[in-house]
Amino acid sequence: MQQGSSRARFRNSEAANGLMLVSPTALYAILLLAAPLATVVVYSLMVDSKVGASAGFTLQNYVEVWTGKIYQAIMLRSLMVSFLVTLITVLLAYPVAYFVSFHVPPAKKSLWLFLITIPFWTSYLIRVFLWKVILGYNGVINSGLMSLGVIDEPLTVINYSVGSMVATLAHAYAPFAILPIFVSLEKIDRSFLEAGQDLGESKLMTFWRVTLPLSMPGVIAAVLIVFIPTIGDYVTPDLIGGGKIPMIANMIEGKMLKQNDKAVGSAIAVTAMLIVAIVSIIFLLLNKRFLKGQK
């Protein structure tokens, strides 16, 4: 009798109503995220993905990925490109977000945010192609410099290089960095800044000691938003790099589709996800530290 009444109370409780609301979303997330991820993990442990699970399971695929020189080189290149893109993007995005937050009148801030999101109106692929036109061997930059007589022949440094990939990715992900930093700056109580200046601090020192620390959660959010997708970018290395400077996503595609080696390809994918997860956890811990420091 008591069990029946307790079940009835649970069904009528807020917890039960919350579970009913969350359950469809949770099942949807499991089907779309957990199931494919589990499939990749299973493939990465197979002896031969062509035969299937009947061939048995092994860790040899991970040993090959972690010890292979080519895999290490491409993973390090992917991390280097992602860190460079993240650093450049955040450094360029912060002044824009600061200007919009502190110097643009409140009535016009929505217009500025609208202008910042304009790049999202076009396809990511089109934006990458535009950079290829700008940086190409016969592109806008080379043609302009040659017409001005600055150079006699097209520059090859800006074409099919790591620098061109970094520039393209930094432009593509700039809005993703500006918006979280702007939100973080908007949450800062302006009275803190006034108090700092009343105590004799210069504007520069007030920014360094008050504004920057208080906006760090937005900066760390921008770092994660930019870093995570850039390390797995496939289109930019293929188009801007000309396929000569592959990143980890290009190697996964080659293993999965061209070589039909789903086991090693899955092991590369899982390894990349683990590295991204470790880096993300480090930044989240930094964010927690800044939030604790603000309290």
Protein backbone atom coordinates (compact mmCIF):
# COMPACT_ATOMS: atom_id res chain seq x y z
CA MET A 1 0.00 0.00 0.00
CA GLN A 2 2.82 2.35 0.90
CA GLN A 3 4.67 1.47 -2.29
CA GLY A 4 1.58 2.25 -4.36
CA SER A 5 1.10 5.61 -2.65
CA SER A 6 4.79 6.49 -3.06
CA ARG A 7 4.61 5.65 -6.75
CA ALA A 8 1.53 7.80 -7.11
CA ARG A 9 3.26 10.70 -5.34
CA PHE A 10 6.31 10.29 -7.62
CA ARG A 11 4.16 10.31 -10.77
CA ASN A 12 2.55 13.56 -9.62
CA SER A 13 5.82 15.16 -8.50
CA GLU A 14 7.87 17.81 -10.31
CA ALA A 15 10.71 15.31 -10.74
CA ALA A 16 8.47 12.96 -12.71
CA ASN A 17 7.17 15.81 -14.86
CA GLY A 18 10.76 16.91 -15.48
CA LEU A 19 11.76 13.39 -16.51
CA MET A 20 8.82 13.22 -18.91
CA LEU A 21 9.94 16.46 -20.52
CA VAL A 22 13.63 15.49 -20.70
CA SER A 23 13.16 11.88 -21.84
CA PRO A 24 12.34 12.56 -25.53
CA THR A 25 15.31 14.91 -25.84
CA ALA A 26 17.59 12.47 -24.04
CA LEU A 27 16.54 9.58 -26.31
CA TYR A 28 17.04 11.80 -29.37
CA ALA A 29 20.53 12.74 -28.18
CA ILE A 30 21.40 9.11 -27.47
CA LEU A 31 20.28 8.01 -30.93
CA LEU A 32 22.08 10.83 -32.79
CA LEU A 33 25.22 11.17 -30.67
CA ALA A 34 25.89 8.19 -28.47
CA ALA A 35 25.01 5.50 -31.01
CA PRO A 36 27.36 6.78 -33.79
CA LEU A 37 30.11 7.38 -31.23
CA ALA A 38 29.73 3.85 -29.88
CA THR A 39 29.88 2.50 -33.44
CA VAL A 40 33.16 4.34 -34.08
CA VAL A 41 34.63 3.00 -30.83
CA VAL A 42 33.64 -0.57 -31.75
CA TYR A 43 35.15 -0.18 -35.24
CA SER A 44 38.40 1.12 -33.70
CA LEU A 45 38.78 -2.09 -31.68
CA MET A 46 38.16 -4.50 -34.58
CA VAL A 47 40.94 -6.66 -35.98
CA ASP A 48 39.50 -6.28 -39.48
CA SER A 49 36.51 -4.01 -40.03
CA LYS A 50 35.80 -5.67 -43.39
CA VAL A 51 35.15 -9.01 -41.67
CA GLY A 52 33.32 -7.47 -38.71
CA ALA A 53 33.19 -8.35 -35.04
CA SER A 54 33.63 -12.04 -35.87
CA ALA A 55 37.34 -11.35 -36.51
CA GLY A 56 37.81 -10.32 -32.89
CA PHE A 57 38.90 -7.18 -31.08
CA THR A 58 42.35 -5.68 -30.51
CA LEU A 59 44.19 -2.55 -29.36
CA GLN A 60 46.67 -2.79 -32.23
CA ASN A 61 44.88 -0.03 -34.16
CA TYR A 62 45.55 2.42 -31.32
CA VAL A 63 49.16 1.24 -31.04
CA GLU A 64 49.61 1.93 -34.77
CA VAL A 65 48.04 5.39 -34.48
CA TRP A 66 49.93 6.42 -31.33
CA THR A 67 53.33 5.18 -32.52
CA GLY A 68 53.13 5.91 -36.25
CA LYS A 69 55.27 8.90 -37.27
CA ILE A 70 52.85 10.05 -39.98
CA TYR A 71 49.90 10.05 -37.55
CA GLN A 72 51.90 11.94 -34.94
CA ALA A 73 53.04 14.55 -37.48
CA ILE A 74 49.53 15.20 -38.81
CA MET A 75 48.04 15.32 -35.31
CA LEU A 76 50.69 17.84 -34.20
CA ARG A 77 50.03 19.89 -37.33
CA SER A 78 46.30 19.87 -36.65
CA LEU A 79 46.87 20.98 -33.05
CA MET A 80 49.30 23.70 -34.15
CA VAL A 81 46.89 25.06 -36.78
CA SER A 82 43.99 24.97 -34.31
CA PHE A 83 45.96 26.76 -31.59
CA LEU A 84 47.15 29.42 -34.06
CA VAL A 85 43.63 29.95 -35.40
CA THR A 86 42.23 30.15 -31.88
CA LEU A 87 44.91 32.60 -30.72
CA ILE A 88 44.56 34.91 -33.74
CA THR A 89 40.77 34.75 -33.73
CA VAL A 90 40.41 35.57 -30.04
CA LEU A 91 43.01 38.36 -30.19
CA LEU A 92 41.17 39.96 -33.11
CA ALA A 93 37.70 39.30 -31.72
CA TYR A 94 38.29 40.83 -28.29
CA PRO A 95 38.79 44.45 -29.50
CA VAL A 96 35.68 44.19 -31.68
CA ALA A 97 33.59 42.83 -28.81
CA TYR A 98 35.04 45.47 -26.44
CA PHE A 99 34.25 48.28 -28.85
CA VAL A 100 30.66 47.13 -29.36
CA SER A 101 30.11 46.64 -25.62
CA PHE A 102 31.72 49.82 -24.28
CA HIS A 103 31.68 52.37 -27.11
CA VAL A 104 28.59 51.64 -29.20
CA PRO A 105 25.35 53.26 -27.95
CA PRO A 106 22.88 50.70 -26.54
CA ALA A 107 20.35 51.51 -29.27
CA LYS A 108 22.84 50.53 -31.99
CA LYS A 109 24.35 47.40 -30.44
CA SER A 110 21.76 45.13 -32.05
CA LEU A 111 22.68 46.60 -35.45
CA TRP A 112 26.37 45.87 -34.86
CA LEU A 113 25.61 42.31 -33.79
CA PHE A 114 23.49 41.94 -36.90
CA LEU A 115 26.42 43.10 -39.06
CA ILE A 116 28.78 40.68 -37.28
CA THR A 117 26.53 37.74 -38.14
CA ILE A 118 26.29 38.63 -41.85
CA PRO A 119 29.02 36.09 -42.81
CA PHE A 120 26.64 33.36 -41.62
CA TRP A 121 24.33 34.26 -44.48
CA THR A 122 26.63 32.57 -46.95
CA SER A 123 27.74 28.95 -47.00
CA TYR A 124 30.99 28.08 -45.25
CA LEU A 125 32.13 26.44 -48.48
CA ILE A 126 31.58 29.67 -50.43
CA ARG A 127 33.59 31.65 -47.90
CA VAL A 128 36.49 29.20 -48.22
CA PHE A 129 36.32 29.44 -52.02
CA LEU A 130 36.47 33.24 -51.75
CA TRP A 131 39.69 33.01 -49.79
CA LYS A 132 41.05 30.66 -52.43
CA VAL A 133 40.30 33.36 -55.02
CA ILE A 134 42.03 35.97 -52.87
CA LEU A 135 45.11 33.91 -51.99
CA GLY A 136 45.42 31.88 -55.21
CA TYR A 137 48.42 31.82 -57.55
CA ASN A 138 46.56 34.17 -59.90
CA GLY A 139 44.36 35.55 -57.14
CA VAL A 140 43.51 39.06 -56.05
CA ILE A 141 46.62 39.65 -53.92
CA ASN A 142 49.13 38.37 -56.48
CA SER A 143 47.40 40.13 -59.37
CA GLY A 144 47.25 43.41 -57.42
CA LEU A 145 50.91 43.29 -56.39
CA MET A 146 52.01 42.45 -59.92
CA SER A 147 49.94 45.26 -61.44
CA LEU A 148 51.56 47.71 -58.99
CA GLY A 149 55.01 46.43 -59.88
CA VAL A 150 55.77 45.28 -56.35
CA ILE A 151 56.53 41.71 -57.47
CA ASP A 152 57.54 40.24 -60.82
CA GLU A 153 55.92 36.84 -60.37
CA PRO A 154 53.14 35.47 -58.16
CA LEU A 155 53.99 34.71 -54.56
CA THR A 156 53.76 31.04 -53.67
CA VAL A 157 54.05 31.64 -49.92
CA ILE A 158 50.43 32.74 -49.57
CA ASN A 159 49.07 29.85 -51.62
CA TYR A 160 48.76 26.26 -50.38
CA SER A 161 50.40 27.02 -47.04
CA VAL A 162 49.65 26.74 -43.34
CA GLY A 163 49.42 30.53 -43.15
CA SER A 164 46.67 30.66 -45.77
CA MET A 165 44.75 27.95 -43.90
CA VAL A 166 45.07 29.85 -40.63
CA ALA A 167 43.86 33.10 -42.23
CA THR A 168 40.85 31.36 -43.79
CA LEU A 169 39.84 29.59 -40.59
CA ALA A 170 40.35 32.72 -38.46
CA HIS A 171 38.01 34.67 -40.73
CA ALA A 172 35.44 31.88 -40.81
CA TYR A 173 35.24 31.51 -37.03
CA ALA A 174 35.62 35.18 -36.01
CA PRO A 175 31.88 35.70 -35.30
CA PHE A 176 31.89 32.63 -33.05
CA ALA A 177 34.57 34.30 -30.92
CA ILE A 178 33.12 37.82 -30.91
CA LEU A 179 29.67 36.90 -29.60
CA PRO A 180 30.59 35.05 -26.35
CA ILE A 181 33.21 37.69 -25.48
CA PHE A 182 30.62 40.42 -26.08
CA VAL A 183 28.11 38.68 -23.80
CA SER A 184 30.75 38.37 -21.08
CA LEU A 185 31.68 42.05 -21.37
CA GLU A 186 28.02 43.08 -21.22
CA LYS A 187 27.63 41.32 -17.87
CA ILE A 188 30.38 43.39 -16.23
CA ASP A 189 29.03 45.88 -13.72
CA ARG A 190 30.24 49.31 -14.93
CA SER A 191 30.42 50.52 -11.34
CA PHE A 192 33.49 48.28 -10.87
CA LEU A 193 35.30 50.20 -13.60
CA GLU A 194 34.27 53.54 -12.13
CA ALA A 195 35.48 52.42 -8.70
CA GLY A 196 38.86 51.46 -10.13
CA GLN A 197 39.31 54.85 -11.76
CA ASP A 198 38.11 56.64 -8.61
CA LEU A 199 40.90 54.86 -6.73
CA GLY A 200 43.46 56.37 -9.08
CA GLU A 201 43.92 53.55 -11.59
CA SER A 202 44.47 54.46 -15.22
CA LYS A 203 42.12 53.16 -17.91
CA LEU A 204 44.75 50.66 -19.01
CA MET A 205 45.31 49.28 -15.50
CA THR A 206 41.55 49.20 -14.88
CA PHE A 207 41.15 47.11 -18.01
CA TRP A 208 44.01 44.82 -16.99
CA ARG A 209 42.91 44.31 -13.39
CA VAL A 210 39.11 44.48 -13.70
CA THR A 211 37.72 44.18 -17.24
CA LEU A 212 39.96 41.42 -18.56
CA PRO A 213 39.63 39.07 -15.54
CA LEU A 214 35.85 39.53 -15.44
CA SER A 215 35.56 38.79 -19.17
CA MET A 216 37.73 35.65 -19.07
CA PRO A 217 34.76 33.23 -19.00
CA GLY A 218 33.69 34.65 -22.37
CA VAL A 219 37.25 34.41 -23.67
CA ILE A 220 37.54 30.77 -22.61
CA ALA A 221 34.15 30.03 -24.18
CA ALA A 222 35.38 31.63 -27.41
CA VAL A 223 38.56 29.54 -27.27
CA LEU A 224 36.56 26.31 -26.99
CA ILE A 225 34.06 27.33 -29.67
CA VAL A 226 36.88 28.04 -32.13
CA PHE A 227 39.37 25.32 -31.16
CA ILE A 228 37.04 22.31 -31.20
CA PRO A 229 35.69 22.64 -34.77
CA THR A 230 38.95 23.88 -36.35
CA ILE A 231 40.94 20.81 -35.31
CA GLY A 232 38.46 18.66 -37.23
CA ASP A 233 38.05 20.95 -40.23
CA TYR A 234 38.11 19.08 -43.52
CA VAL A 235 37.18 21.60 -46.22
CA THR A 236 39.87 24.25 -45.65
CA PRO A 237 42.92 21.93 -45.79
CA ASP A 238 41.47 20.31 -48.91
CA LEU A 239 40.76 23.57 -50.78
CA ILE A 240 43.14 26.17 -49.35
CA GLY A 241 45.88 23.66 -48.63
CA GLY A 242 45.38 22.02 -52.02
CA GLY A 243 45.39 18.61 -50.37
CA LYS A 244 49.14 19.02 -49.77
CA ILE A 245 48.81 19.94 -46.10
CA PRO A 246 46.33 17.42 -44.69
CA MET A 247 44.94 17.67 -41.19
CA ILE A 248 43.53 14.93 -39.03
CA ALA A 249 40.07 15.03 -40.64
CA ASN A 250 41.59 14.54 -44.09
CA MET A 251 43.52 11.51 -42.84
CA ILE A 252 40.36 10.02 -41.33
CA GLU A 253 38.56 10.52 -44.65
CA GLY A 254 41.43 8.87 -46.52
CA LYS A 255 41.48 5.86 -44.21
CA MET A 256 37.70 5.46 -44.12
CA LEU A 257 36.79 6.01 -47.77
CA LYS A 258 39.85 5.76 -49.99
CA GLN A 259 41.66 2.93 -48.20
CA ASN A 260 38.51 1.36 -46.73
CA ASP A 261 40.36 0.87 -43.44
CA LYS A 262 37.58 1.76 -41.01
CA ALA A 263 39.37 0.23 -38.03
CA VAL A 264 42.43 2.48 -38.16
CA GLY A 265 40.31 5.44 -39.31
CA SER A 266 38.07 5.02 -36.29
CA ALA A 267 41.10 4.73 -33.99
CA ILE A 268 42.37 8.06 -35.38
CA ALA A 269 38.96 9.62 -34.82
CA VAL A 270 38.71 8.38 -31.23
CA THR A 271 42.27 9.57 -30.51
CA ALA A 272 41.45 13.03 -31.87
CA MET A 273 38.29 13.17 -29.75
CA LEU A 274 40.26 12.23 -26.62
CA ILE A 275 42.85 14.96 -27.28
CA VAL A 276 40.11 17.54 -27.86
CA ALA A 277 38.35 16.38 -24.68
CA ILE A 278 41.54 16.77 -22.61
CA VAL A 279 42.20 20.28 -23.96
CA SER A 280 38.56 21.23 -23.40
CA ILE A 281 38.65 19.99 -19.79
CA ILE A 282 41.78 22.08 -19.15
CA PHE A 283 40.05 25.23 -20.41
CA LEU A 284 36.89 24.42 -18.46
CA LEU A 285 38.97 24.10 -15.27
CA LEU A 286 40.53 27.48 -16.06
CA ASN A 287 37.05 28.91 -16.52
CA LYS A 288 35.98 27.46 -13.16
CA ARG A 289 39.03 29.05 -11.55
CA PHE A 290 38.18 32.48 -12.99
CA LEU A 291 34.56 32.15 -11.89
CA LYS A 292 35.66 31.19 -8.38
CA GLY A 293 38.07 34.13 -8.34
CA GLN A 294 35.24 36.52 -9.17
CA LYS A 295 33.30 35.37 -6.14
